[in-house]
Amino acid sequence: MKDYKDVRGLWERCGLEIRVGDRENEIRRKVTRDPDLFLVAEEDGRIVGSLMGAWDGRRGWLYHLGVLPGCRRRGIATELVEEVERRMKAKGVVKVNALVYNTNIPSLAFFERMGYPVDRSVSFLGKKLVTGPA
């Protein structure tokens, strides 16, 4: 959690949409539950990338993959995804899903290259149980 502000700043600089679930208290609960699946990439002591992995006991999930614009195309995102996949596999996870907004064309293309084909046969639905600012 000592890196929360830096990671949130990274998400903002990467253009990720910050939502209610990204508040510090929510991320603290996530890190407490799956500390080994929340990764950051550092370079010269500064955070240049992050990926939040989660496992619900049935499926693995990937959220908030971000790499600073000046650090992209150097394999950081690939390393983050592959490391979370390794850790999930060690836990017995058999399938991993990535949630990506349809408007995020570069991220969709990246995940397809990583072996995550877009599945248009399903729809993502969500309901907020808590409201308020991010």
C-alpha atoms as a PDB file:
ATOM      1  CA  MET A   1       0.000   0.000   0.000  1.00  0.00           C
ATOM      2  CA  LYS A   2       3.000   2.273   0.320  1.00  0.00           C
ATOM      3  CA  ASP A   3       2.920   2.570  -3.484  1.00  0.00           C
ATOM      4  CA  TYR A   4      -0.821   3.333  -3.777  1.00  0.00           C
ATOM      5  CA  LYS A   5      -0.449   7.009  -4.710  1.00  0.00           C
ATOM      6  CA  ASP A   6       2.264   6.250  -7.264  1.00  0.00           C
ATOM      7  CA  VAL A   7       0.264   3.386  -8.795  1.00  0.00           C
ATOM      8  CA  ARG A   8      -2.909   5.481  -8.948  1.00  0.00           C
ATOM      9  CA  GLY A   9      -0.899   8.264 -10.585  1.00  0.00           C
ATOM     10  CA  LEU A  10       0.411   5.744 -13.108  1.00  0.00           C
ATOM     11  CA  TRP A  11      -3.141   4.632 -13.882  1.00  0.00           C
ATOM     12  CA  GLU A  12      -4.161   8.246 -14.433  1.00  0.00           C
ATOM     13  CA  ARG A  13      -1.170   8.965 -16.693  1.00  0.00           C
ATOM     14  CA  CYS A  14      -2.011   5.817 -18.675  1.00  0.00           C
ATOM     15  CA  GLY A  15      -5.581   7.015 -19.209  1.00  0.00           C
ATOM     16  CA  LEU A  16      -7.212   4.286 -17.134  1.00  0.00           C
ATOM     17  CA  GLU A  17     -10.644   5.217 -15.860  1.00  0.00           C
ATOM     18  CA  ILE A  18     -10.523   5.578 -12.076  1.00  0.00           C
ATOM     19  CA  ARG A  19     -13.665   4.280 -10.409  1.00  0.00           C
ATOM     20  CA  VAL A  20     -15.111   3.802  -6.942  1.00  0.00           C
ATOM     21  CA  GLY A  21     -13.357   0.440  -6.619  1.00  0.00           C
ATOM     22  CA  ASP A  22     -10.006   2.142  -7.065  1.00  0.00           C
ATOM     23  CA  ARG A  23     -10.238   4.142  -3.847  1.00  0.00           C
ATOM     24  CA  GLU A  24      -7.450   3.486  -1.378  1.00  0.00           C
ATOM     25  CA  ASN A  25      -9.623   1.483   1.042  1.00  0.00           C
ATOM     26  CA  GLU A  26     -10.862  -0.761  -1.790  1.00  0.00           C
ATOM     27  CA  ILE A  27      -7.353  -1.383  -3.100  1.00  0.00           C
ATOM     28  CA  ARG A  28      -6.191  -2.137   0.458  1.00  0.00           C
ATOM     29  CA  ARG A  29      -8.828  -4.896   0.688  1.00  0.00           C
ATOM     30  CA  LYS A  30      -7.774  -6.254  -2.695  1.00  0.00           C
ATOM     31  CA  VAL A  31      -4.086  -6.269  -1.756  1.00  0.00           C
ATOM     32  CA  THR A  32      -4.913  -8.000   1.538  1.00  0.00           C
ATOM     33  CA  ARG A  33      -6.826 -10.720  -0.318  1.00  0.00           C
ATOM     34  CA  ASP A  34      -4.412 -11.345  -3.226  1.00  0.00           C
ATOM     35  CA  PRO A  35      -1.126  -9.612  -2.394  1.00  0.00           C
ATOM     36  CA  ASP A  36       0.839 -11.824  -4.762  1.00  0.00           C
ATOM     37  CA  LEU A  37      -1.318 -10.918  -7.761  1.00  0.00           C
ATOM     38  CA  PHE A  38      -0.920  -7.122  -7.602  1.00  0.00           C
ATOM     39  CA  LEU A  39       2.315  -6.363  -9.429  1.00  0.00           C
ATOM     40  CA  VAL A  40       4.305  -3.224 -10.078  1.00  0.00           C
ATOM     41  CA  ALA A  41       7.246  -2.811 -12.437  1.00  0.00           C
ATOM     42  CA  GLU A  42       9.999  -0.492 -11.287  1.00  0.00           C
ATOM     43  CA  GLU A  43      12.838   1.124 -13.143  1.00  0.00           C
ATOM     44  CA  ASP A  44      15.481   3.141 -11.309  1.00  0.00           C
ATOM     45  CA  GLY A  45      13.259   3.250  -8.225  1.00  0.00           C
ATOM     46  CA  ARG A  46      10.168   4.599  -9.991  1.00  0.00           C
ATOM     47  CA  ILE A  47       7.007   2.700 -10.828  1.00  0.00           C
ATOM     48  CA  VAL A  48       6.628   2.373 -14.597  1.00  0.00           C
ATOM     49  CA  GLY A  49       3.943  -0.309 -14.809  1.00  0.00           C
ATOM     50  CA  SER A  50       1.324  -2.210 -12.854  1.00  0.00           C
ATOM     51  CA  LEU A  51      -1.163  -5.017 -13.206  1.00  0.00           C
ATOM     52  CA  MET A  52      -3.854  -6.033 -10.775  1.00  0.00           C
ATOM     53  CA  GLY A  53      -4.671  -9.723 -10.887  1.00  0.00           C
ATOM     54  CA  ALA A  54      -7.518 -11.320  -8.949  1.00  0.00           C
ATOM     55  CA  TRP A  55      -8.801 -14.807  -8.417  1.00  0.00           C
ATOM     56  CA  ASP A  56     -12.398 -15.410  -7.394  1.00  0.00           C
ATOM     57  CA  GLY A  57     -11.818 -19.109  -6.676  1.00  0.00           C
ATOM     58  CA  ARG A  58     -12.992 -20.093 -10.122  1.00  0.00           C
ATOM     59  CA  ARG A  59     -11.515 -17.694 -12.687  1.00  0.00           C
ATOM     60  CA  GLY A  60      -8.551 -15.386 -12.770  1.00  0.00           C
ATOM     61  CA  TRP A  61      -9.069 -11.763 -13.722  1.00  0.00           C
ATOM     62  CA  LEU A  62      -6.730  -9.068 -14.998  1.00  0.00           C
ATOM     63  CA  TYR A  63      -7.440  -5.411 -14.306  1.00  0.00           C
ATOM     64  CA  HIS A  64      -5.667  -2.102 -14.723  1.00  0.00           C
ATOM     65  CA  LEU A  65      -2.679  -3.051 -16.822  1.00  0.00           C
ATOM     66  CA  GLY A  66      -0.761   0.142 -17.306  1.00  0.00           C
ATOM     67  CA  VAL A  67       2.721   1.113 -18.465  1.00  0.00           C
ATOM     68  CA  LEU A  68       3.916   4.707 -18.606  1.00  0.00           C
ATOM     69  CA  PRO A  69       3.749   6.007 -22.174  1.00  0.00           C
ATOM     70  CA  GLY A  70       7.507   6.612 -22.361  1.00  0.00           C
ATOM     71  CA  CYS A  71       8.219   3.049 -21.230  1.00  0.00           C
ATOM     72  CA  ARG A  72       5.970   1.174 -23.636  1.00  0.00           C
ATOM     73  CA  ARG A  73       7.113  -1.263 -26.333  1.00  0.00           C
ATOM     74  CA  ARG A  74       9.869  -2.633 -24.081  1.00  0.00           C
ATOM     75  CA  GLY A  75       8.122  -5.794 -22.867  1.00  0.00           C
ATOM     76  CA  ILE A  76       7.028  -4.500 -19.455  1.00  0.00           C
ATOM     77  CA  ALA A  77       3.332  -5.257 -19.993  1.00  0.00           C
ATOM     78  CA  THR A  78       4.173  -8.695 -21.367  1.00  0.00           C
ATOM     79  CA  GLU A  79       6.326  -9.476 -18.332  1.00  0.00           C
ATOM     80  CA  LEU A  80       3.596  -8.319 -15.944  1.00  0.00           C
ATOM     81  CA  VAL A  81       0.927 -10.455 -17.633  1.00  0.00           C
ATOM     82  CA  GLU A  82       3.167 -13.520 -17.880  1.00  0.00           C
ATOM     83  CA  GLU A  83       4.178 -13.252 -14.212  1.00  0.00           C
ATOM     84  CA  VAL A  84       0.568 -12.982 -13.031  1.00  0.00           C
ATOM     85  CA  GLU A  85      -0.316 -15.939 -15.255  1.00  0.00           C
ATOM     86  CA  ARG A  86       2.512 -17.987 -13.681  1.00  0.00           C
ATOM     87  CA  ARG A  87       1.318 -17.108 -10.198  1.00  0.00           C
ATOM     88  CA  MET A  88      -2.283 -17.938 -11.045  1.00  0.00           C
ATOM     89  CA  LYS A  89      -1.311 -21.248 -12.599  1.00  0.00           C
ATOM     90  CA  ALA A  90       0.560 -22.122  -9.397  1.00  0.00           C
ATOM     91  CA  LYS A  91      -2.684 -21.476  -7.486  1.00  0.00           C
ATOM     92  CA  GLY A  92      -4.602 -23.837  -9.769  1.00  0.00           C
ATOM     93  CA  VAL A  93      -6.377 -21.204 -11.866  1.00  0.00           C
ATOM     94  CA  VAL A  94      -7.410 -22.810 -15.170  1.00  0.00           C
ATOM     95  CA  LYS A  95      -8.744 -19.750 -17.047  1.00  0.00           C
ATOM     96  CA  VAL A  96      -7.880 -16.069 -16.933  1.00  0.00           C
ATOM     97  CA  ASN A  97     -10.035 -13.249 -18.265  1.00  0.00           C
ATOM     98  CA  ALA A  98      -8.987  -9.671 -18.960  1.00  0.00           C
ATOM     99  CA  LEU A  99     -11.499  -6.855 -18.723  1.00  0.00           C
ATOM    100  CA  VAL A 100     -10.766  -4.177 -21.321  1.00  0.00           C
ATOM    101  CA  TYR A 101     -13.008  -1.365 -22.513  1.00  0.00           C
ATOM    102  CA  ASN A 102     -13.945  -1.670 -26.194  1.00  0.00           C
ATOM    103  CA  THR A 103     -12.659   1.871 -26.734  1.00  0.00           C
ATOM    104  CA  ASN A 104      -9.153   0.870 -25.588  1.00  0.00           C
ATOM    105  CA  ILE A 105      -7.991  -0.417 -28.968  1.00  0.00           C
ATOM    106  CA  PRO A 106      -4.267  -0.660 -28.077  1.00  0.00           C
ATOM    107  CA  SER A 107      -5.017  -2.751 -24.982  1.00  0.00           C
ATOM    108  CA  LEU A 108      -7.421  -5.008 -26.872  1.00  0.00           C
ATOM    109  CA  ALA A 109      -4.746  -5.608 -29.514  1.00  0.00           C
ATOM    110  CA  PHE A 110      -2.122  -6.279 -26.832  1.00  0.00           C
ATOM    111  CA  PHE A 111      -4.253  -8.875 -25.057  1.00  0.00           C
ATOM    112  CA  GLU A 112      -5.148 -10.576 -28.328  1.00  0.00           C
ATOM    113  CA  ARG A 113      -1.416 -10.884 -29.071  1.00  0.00           C
ATOM    114  CA  MET A 114      -1.012 -12.392 -25.585  1.00  0.00           C
ATOM    115  CA  GLY A 115      -3.557 -15.120 -26.422  1.00  0.00           C
ATOM    116  CA  TYR A 116      -6.734 -13.508 -25.057  1.00  0.00           C
ATOM    117  CA  PRO A 117      -9.188 -13.453 -27.964  1.00  0.00           C
ATOM    118  CA  VAL A 118     -12.165 -11.116 -27.714  1.00  0.00           C
ATOM    119  CA  ASP A 119     -15.295 -13.089 -26.834  1.00  0.00           C
ATOM    120  CA  ARG A 120     -18.285 -11.246 -28.246  1.00  0.00           C
ATOM    121  CA  SER A 121     -20.679 -13.992 -27.126  1.00  0.00           C
ATOM    122  CA  VAL A 122     -20.874 -12.535 -23.624  1.00  0.00           C
ATOM    123  CA  SER A 123     -21.812  -9.154 -22.210  1.00  0.00           C
ATOM    124  CA  PHE A 124     -20.321  -7.578 -19.132  1.00  0.00           C
ATOM    125  CA  LEU A 125     -22.921  -6.246 -16.736  1.00  0.00           C
ATOM    126  CA  GLY A 126     -22.248  -4.373 -13.537  1.00  0.00           C
ATOM    127  CA  LYS A 127     -24.156  -2.776 -10.718  1.00  0.00           C
ATOM    128  CA  LYS A 128     -22.726  -0.250  -8.256  1.00  0.00           C
ATOM    129  CA  LEU A 129     -23.565  -1.047  -4.657  1.00  0.00           C
ATOM    130  CA  VAL A 130     -21.760   2.027  -3.365  1.00  0.00           C
ATOM    131  CA  THR A 131     -21.668   5.464  -4.933  1.00  0.00           C
ATOM    132  CA  GLY A 132     -19.337   8.383  -4.577  1.00  0.00           C
ATOM    133  CA  PRO A 133     -16.256   9.869  -6.105  1.00  0.00           C
ATOM    134  CA  ALA A 134     -13.232   7.818  -7.013  1.00  0.00           C
END
